[in-house]
N, C-alpha and C. Protein backbone atom coordinates (compact mmCIF):
# COMPACT_ATOMS: atom_id res chain seq x y z
N MET A 1 -6.07 -18.56 19.15
CA MET A 1 -6.69 -19.51 18.26
C MET A 1 -6.11 -19.01 16.87
N ALA A 2 -5.89 -19.93 16.03
CA ALA A 2 -5.14 -19.92 14.87
C ALA A 2 -6.52 -19.33 14.03
N ALA A 3 -6.25 -18.35 12.89
CA ALA A 3 -7.25 -17.83 11.99
C ALA A 3 -7.63 -18.95 10.82
N LYS A 4 -8.70 -19.10 10.73
CA LYS A 4 -9.23 -19.93 9.85
C LYS A 4 -9.23 -19.47 8.16
N ILE A 5 -9.73 -18.27 8.20
CA ILE A 5 -9.74 -17.39 7.06
C ILE A 5 -8.52 -16.31 7.13
N LYS A 6 -7.66 -16.35 5.98
CA LYS A 6 -6.60 -15.30 5.87
C LYS A 6 -6.74 -14.48 4.67
N LYS A 7 -5.85 -13.24 4.57
CA LYS A 7 -6.04 -12.30 3.40
C LYS A 7 -5.32 -13.31 2.47
N GLY A 8 -5.99 -13.14 1.07
CA GLY A 8 -5.57 -14.03 -0.04
C GLY A 8 -6.14 -15.26 -0.25
N ASP A 9 -7.09 -15.75 0.71
CA ASP A 9 -7.71 -16.92 0.57
C ASP A 9 -8.91 -16.65 -0.31
N LYS A 10 -9.27 -17.60 -1.04
CA LYS A 10 -10.53 -17.61 -1.92
C LYS A 10 -11.66 -18.21 -1.25
N VAL A 11 -12.50 -17.35 -1.13
CA VAL A 11 -13.77 -17.76 -0.37
C VAL A 11 -14.94 -17.79 -1.03
N VAL A 12 -16.34 -18.32 -0.56
CA VAL A 12 -17.49 -18.16 -0.94
C VAL A 12 -18.66 -17.82 -0.25
N VAL A 13 -19.54 -16.76 -0.49
CA VAL A 13 -20.21 -16.16 0.23
C VAL A 13 -21.44 -17.22 0.58
N LEU A 14 -21.80 -17.52 1.92
CA LEU A 14 -22.97 -18.36 2.37
C LEU A 14 -24.42 -17.99 2.35
N ALA A 15 -24.43 -16.51 2.86
CA ALA A 15 -25.56 -15.75 2.91
C ALA A 15 -25.80 -14.20 2.73
N GLY A 16 -26.80 -13.90 2.66
CA GLY A 16 -26.86 -12.32 2.32
C GLY A 16 -27.22 -12.15 0.81
N ARG A 17 -27.06 -10.90 0.32
CA ARG A 17 -27.48 -10.68 -1.09
C ARG A 17 -26.37 -10.78 -2.16
N ASP A 18 -25.25 -11.40 -1.45
CA ASP A 18 -24.19 -11.94 -2.53
C ASP A 18 -24.08 -13.39 -2.47
N LYS A 19 -25.14 -14.08 -1.92
CA LYS A 19 -25.02 -15.39 -1.70
C LYS A 19 -24.59 -16.29 -3.02
N GLY A 20 -23.53 -17.20 -2.99
CA GLY A 20 -23.08 -17.80 -4.00
C GLY A 20 -21.86 -17.04 -4.76
N LYS A 21 -21.69 -15.96 -4.53
CA LYS A 21 -20.50 -15.32 -5.04
C LYS A 21 -19.17 -15.68 -4.51
N SER A 22 -18.26 -15.48 -5.22
CA SER A 22 -16.63 -15.79 -4.46
C SER A 22 -15.70 -14.86 -4.94
N GLY A 23 -14.86 -14.66 -4.13
CA GLY A 23 -13.75 -13.63 -4.26
C GLY A 23 -12.54 -13.94 -3.48
N GLU A 24 -11.55 -13.09 -3.50
CA GLU A 24 -10.19 -13.23 -2.71
C GLU A 24 -10.62 -12.20 -1.58
N VAL A 25 -10.14 -12.59 -0.41
CA VAL A 25 -10.11 -11.91 0.84
C VAL A 25 -8.93 -10.92 0.87
N LEU A 26 -9.31 -9.59 0.85
CA LEU A 26 -8.31 -8.30 0.77
C LEU A 26 -7.94 -8.18 2.27
N SER A 27 -8.69 -8.25 3.30
CA SER A 27 -8.20 -8.05 4.53
C SER A 27 -9.35 -8.69 5.63
N VAL A 28 -8.73 -9.02 6.80
CA VAL A 28 -9.40 -9.60 7.83
C VAL A 28 -9.39 -8.90 9.08
N ASN A 29 -10.35 -8.75 9.91
CA ASN A 29 -10.41 -7.97 11.04
C ASN A 29 -10.99 -8.83 12.24
N PRO A 30 -10.08 -10.03 12.87
CA PRO A 30 -10.50 -10.86 13.60
C PRO A 30 -11.12 -10.29 14.80
N GLU A 31 -10.95 -9.10 15.34
CA GLU A 31 -11.40 -8.66 16.52
C GLU A 31 -12.90 -8.54 16.34
N GLU A 32 -13.13 -7.94 15.17
CA GLU A 32 -14.84 -7.69 14.85
C GLU A 32 -15.32 -8.81 14.20
N GLY A 33 -14.61 -9.71 13.65
CA GLY A 33 -15.13 -10.98 12.95
C GLY A 33 -15.60 -10.63 11.60
N ARG A 34 -14.95 -9.54 10.96
CA ARG A 34 -15.39 -9.28 9.56
C ARG A 34 -14.20 -9.27 8.64
N ALA A 35 -14.43 -9.35 7.03
CA ALA A 35 -13.48 -9.36 6.22
C ALA A 35 -14.02 -8.60 4.93
N PHE A 36 -12.96 -8.07 4.35
CA PHE A 36 -13.28 -7.52 3.16
C PHE A 36 -12.83 -8.72 1.94
N VAL A 37 -13.80 -8.61 0.88
CA VAL A 37 -13.80 -9.64 -0.04
C VAL A 37 -13.94 -8.92 -1.48
N ARG A 38 -13.09 -9.16 -2.17
CA ARG A 38 -12.97 -8.48 -3.51
C ARG A 38 -14.31 -8.95 -4.37
N GLY A 39 -14.91 -7.77 -4.85
CA GLY A 39 -16.03 -7.96 -5.36
C GLY A 39 -17.35 -8.33 -4.81
N VAL A 40 -17.48 -8.63 -3.41
CA VAL A 40 -18.53 -8.85 -2.66
C VAL A 40 -18.84 -7.80 -1.70
N ASN A 41 -20.35 -7.52 -1.54
CA ASN A 41 -20.88 -6.50 -0.73
C ASN A 41 -20.39 -5.23 -0.87
N LEU A 42 -20.64 -4.97 -2.38
CA LEU A 42 -20.21 -3.69 -2.87
C LEU A 42 -21.14 -2.54 -2.67
N VAL A 43 -20.77 -1.27 -2.25
CA VAL A 43 -21.63 -0.35 -1.85
C VAL A 43 -21.09 0.96 -2.34
N LYS A 44 -22.10 1.88 -2.67
CA LYS A 44 -21.78 3.25 -3.41
C LYS A 44 -21.66 4.29 -2.14
N ARG A 45 -20.63 5.21 -2.50
CA ARG A 45 -20.11 6.13 -1.54
C ARG A 45 -20.02 7.34 -2.20
N HIS A 46 -20.54 8.54 -1.55
CA HIS A 46 -20.21 9.77 -2.18
C HIS A 46 -18.96 10.18 -1.76
N GLN A 47 -17.99 10.83 -2.46
CA GLN A 47 -16.77 11.09 -2.03
C GLN A 47 -16.61 12.56 -2.50
N ARG A 48 -15.78 13.26 -1.63
CA ARG A 48 -15.48 14.70 -1.86
C ARG A 48 -14.30 14.58 -2.49
N GLN A 49 -14.04 15.90 -3.23
CA GLN A 49 -12.81 15.79 -4.06
C GLN A 49 -11.75 16.22 -3.08
N SER A 50 -10.66 15.64 -3.31
CA SER A 50 -9.28 15.90 -2.40
C SER A 50 -7.98 15.92 -3.41
N GLN A 51 -7.13 16.25 -2.83
CA GLN A 51 -5.86 16.51 -3.66
C GLN A 51 -5.41 15.11 -4.61
N THR A 52 -5.88 14.03 -3.88
CA THR A 52 -5.49 12.69 -4.55
C THR A 52 -6.70 12.12 -5.31
N ALA A 53 -7.86 12.48 -5.08
CA ALA A 53 -8.92 11.75 -5.41
C ALA A 53 -9.98 12.63 -6.17
N GLU A 54 -10.53 12.02 -7.22
CA GLU A 54 -11.88 12.83 -7.73
C GLU A 54 -12.98 12.94 -6.87
N SER A 55 -13.93 13.79 -7.07
CA SER A 55 -15.26 13.72 -6.32
C SER A 55 -16.26 12.93 -7.23
N GLY A 56 -17.25 12.24 -6.69
CA GLY A 56 -18.01 11.56 -7.57
C GLY A 56 -18.41 10.68 -6.61
N ILE A 57 -19.32 9.60 -7.23
CA ILE A 57 -19.84 8.40 -6.51
C ILE A 57 -18.89 7.17 -6.73
N ILE A 58 -18.43 6.51 -5.79
CA ILE A 58 -17.33 5.61 -6.17
C ILE A 58 -18.19 4.06 -5.41
N THR A 59 -17.74 3.04 -5.95
CA THR A 59 -18.05 1.97 -5.47
C THR A 59 -16.87 1.19 -4.98
N LYS A 60 -17.20 0.61 -3.48
CA LYS A 60 -16.07 0.03 -2.83
C LYS A 60 -16.76 -1.20 -2.04
N GLU A 61 -15.66 -2.10 -1.67
CA GLU A 61 -16.12 -3.31 -0.89
C GLU A 61 -16.46 -2.65 0.67
N ALA A 62 -17.55 -3.37 1.24
CA ALA A 62 -17.81 -3.18 2.55
C ALA A 62 -17.60 -4.40 3.34
N PRO A 63 -17.02 -4.33 4.76
CA PRO A 63 -16.99 -5.79 5.13
C PRO A 63 -17.94 -6.36 5.43
N ILE A 64 -17.77 -7.99 5.60
CA ILE A 64 -18.74 -8.94 5.41
C ILE A 64 -18.42 -9.80 6.77
N GLN A 65 -19.49 -10.23 7.39
CA GLN A 65 -19.42 -10.98 8.55
C GLN A 65 -18.76 -12.43 8.46
N LEU A 66 -17.59 -12.74 9.05
CA LEU A 66 -16.79 -13.98 8.73
C LEU A 66 -17.54 -15.23 8.66
N SER A 67 -18.92 -15.20 9.56
CA SER A 67 -19.65 -16.39 9.74
C SER A 67 -20.39 -16.68 8.38
N ASN A 68 -20.66 -15.49 7.51
CA ASN A 68 -21.43 -15.56 6.08
C ASN A 68 -20.17 -15.98 4.99
N VAL A 69 -19.11 -16.36 5.23
CA VAL A 69 -17.95 -16.66 4.13
C VAL A 69 -17.41 -18.18 4.63
N ALA A 70 -17.09 -18.88 3.50
CA ALA A 70 -16.58 -20.18 3.67
C ALA A 70 -15.32 -20.07 2.69
N TYR A 71 -14.12 -20.97 3.27
CA TYR A 71 -13.35 -21.26 2.32
C TYR A 71 -13.56 -22.17 1.03
N ALA A 72 -13.28 -21.73 -0.18
CA ALA A 72 -13.66 -22.22 -1.25
C ALA A 72 -12.49 -23.60 -1.65
N ASP A 73 -13.06 -24.62 -1.69
CA ASP A 73 -12.21 -25.92 -1.66
C ASP A 73 -11.46 -25.75 -3.02
N PRO A 74 -10.10 -25.97 -2.85
CA PRO A 74 -9.24 -26.11 -4.06
C PRO A 74 -9.36 -26.84 -4.92
N LYS A 75 -9.97 -28.09 -4.68
CA LYS A 75 -10.29 -28.92 -6.04
C LYS A 75 -11.54 -28.62 -6.59
N THR A 76 -12.67 -28.43 -5.88
CA THR A 76 -13.94 -28.46 -6.30
C THR A 76 -14.42 -26.98 -6.54
N GLY A 77 -14.07 -25.99 -5.70
CA GLY A 77 -14.44 -24.48 -5.75
C GLY A 77 -15.64 -24.31 -4.86
N LYS A 78 -16.23 -25.44 -4.30
CA LYS A 78 -17.32 -25.35 -3.47
C LYS A 78 -16.96 -25.09 -1.84
N ALA A 79 -17.78 -24.38 -1.22
CA ALA A 79 -17.64 -24.07 0.24
C ALA A 79 -17.16 -25.42 1.10
N THR A 80 -16.09 -25.02 1.83
CA THR A 80 -15.75 -26.30 2.81
C THR A 80 -15.33 -25.50 3.96
N ARG A 81 -15.35 -26.57 5.14
CA ARG A 81 -14.88 -26.20 6.51
C ARG A 81 -13.18 -26.41 6.49
N ILE A 82 -12.73 -25.67 7.41
CA ILE A 82 -11.15 -25.81 7.52
C ILE A 82 -11.04 -26.34 8.94
N GLY A 83 -9.83 -27.30 8.67
CA GLY A 83 -9.49 -28.07 10.02
C GLY A 83 -7.95 -27.85 10.06
N PHE A 84 -7.32 -28.14 11.15
CA PHE A 84 -5.88 -28.14 11.36
C PHE A 84 -5.17 -29.61 11.28
N LYS A 85 -3.86 -29.69 10.83
CA LYS A 85 -3.14 -30.97 10.92
C LYS A 85 -1.70 -30.56 11.35
N ILE A 86 -1.04 -31.20 11.80
CA ILE A 86 0.35 -30.95 12.30
C ILE A 86 1.12 -31.93 11.68
N LEU A 87 1.98 -31.62 10.64
CA LEU A 87 2.86 -32.52 9.73
C LEU A 87 4.13 -33.00 10.68
N GLU A 88 4.57 -34.14 10.02
CA GLU A 88 5.83 -34.81 10.64
C GLU A 88 6.71 -33.79 11.11
N ASP A 89 6.98 -32.61 9.98
CA ASP A 89 8.15 -31.87 10.61
C ASP A 89 7.72 -30.88 11.60
N GLY A 90 6.30 -30.95 12.20
CA GLY A 90 6.06 -30.24 13.05
C GLY A 90 5.35 -28.82 12.99
N ARG A 91 5.05 -28.57 11.43
CA ARG A 91 4.20 -27.59 11.09
C ARG A 91 2.97 -27.58 11.29
N LYS A 92 2.13 -26.63 11.57
CA LYS A 92 0.81 -26.65 11.87
C LYS A 92 -0.04 -26.16 10.35
N VAL A 93 -0.70 -26.84 9.77
CA VAL A 93 -1.20 -26.41 8.51
C VAL A 93 -2.72 -26.53 8.41
N ARG A 94 -3.42 -25.75 7.33
CA ARG A 94 -4.74 -25.88 7.36
C ARG A 94 -5.09 -26.86 6.42
N VAL A 95 -6.41 -27.62 6.60
CA VAL A 95 -6.79 -28.68 5.68
C VAL A 95 -7.96 -28.44 5.41
N ALA A 96 -8.53 -28.59 3.91
CA ALA A 96 -10.11 -28.28 3.63
C ALA A 96 -10.76 -29.92 4.12
N LYS A 97 -11.63 -29.79 4.94
CA LYS A 97 -12.34 -30.86 5.31
C LYS A 97 -13.12 -31.77 4.29
N ALA A 98 -13.60 -31.16 3.10
CA ALA A 98 -14.34 -31.80 2.16
C ALA A 98 -13.44 -32.63 1.25
N SER A 99 -12.07 -32.19 0.73
CA SER A 99 -11.27 -32.93 -0.03
C SER A 99 -10.18 -33.38 0.79
N GLY A 100 -9.82 -32.95 1.96
CA GLY A 100 -8.51 -33.50 2.58
C GLY A 100 -7.21 -32.56 1.99
N GLU A 101 -7.48 -31.62 1.20
CA GLU A 101 -6.25 -31.03 0.62
C GLU A 101 -5.48 -30.05 1.54
N LEU A 102 -4.38 -29.89 1.22
CA LEU A 102 -3.74 -29.18 2.14
C LEU A 102 -3.79 -27.72 1.69
N ILE A 103 -3.93 -26.69 2.71
CA ILE A 103 -4.27 -25.37 2.18
C ILE A 103 -3.04 -24.48 2.04
N ASP A 104 -2.37 -24.48 3.19
CA ASP A 104 -0.97 -23.80 3.01
C ASP A 104 0.06 -24.87 3.33
N GLY A 105 0.69 -25.51 2.26
CA GLY A 105 1.68 -26.44 2.69
C GLY A 105 3.03 -26.16 1.85
């Protein structure tokens, strides 16, 4: 199955404590159905000192369930579903259902 949400996409959070926030997808794990989104689902972690990093409390993104995020429509910025369309030249592209806008074209 083709992935509907990919790295670099702008998404909107639909549920949870960050509902309504939007951000860019940093990475997707389709096997677990989770994604890391910039600025969303931030958690604080205690970190030991290492050769590369200082010790202290750091804030970083935790994975969020893919069912709780939706693609942000290129026209309106609101959440939309994604469909697929095959162009005349044979390419399969993603399409925003709300506006009919091509996503990767």
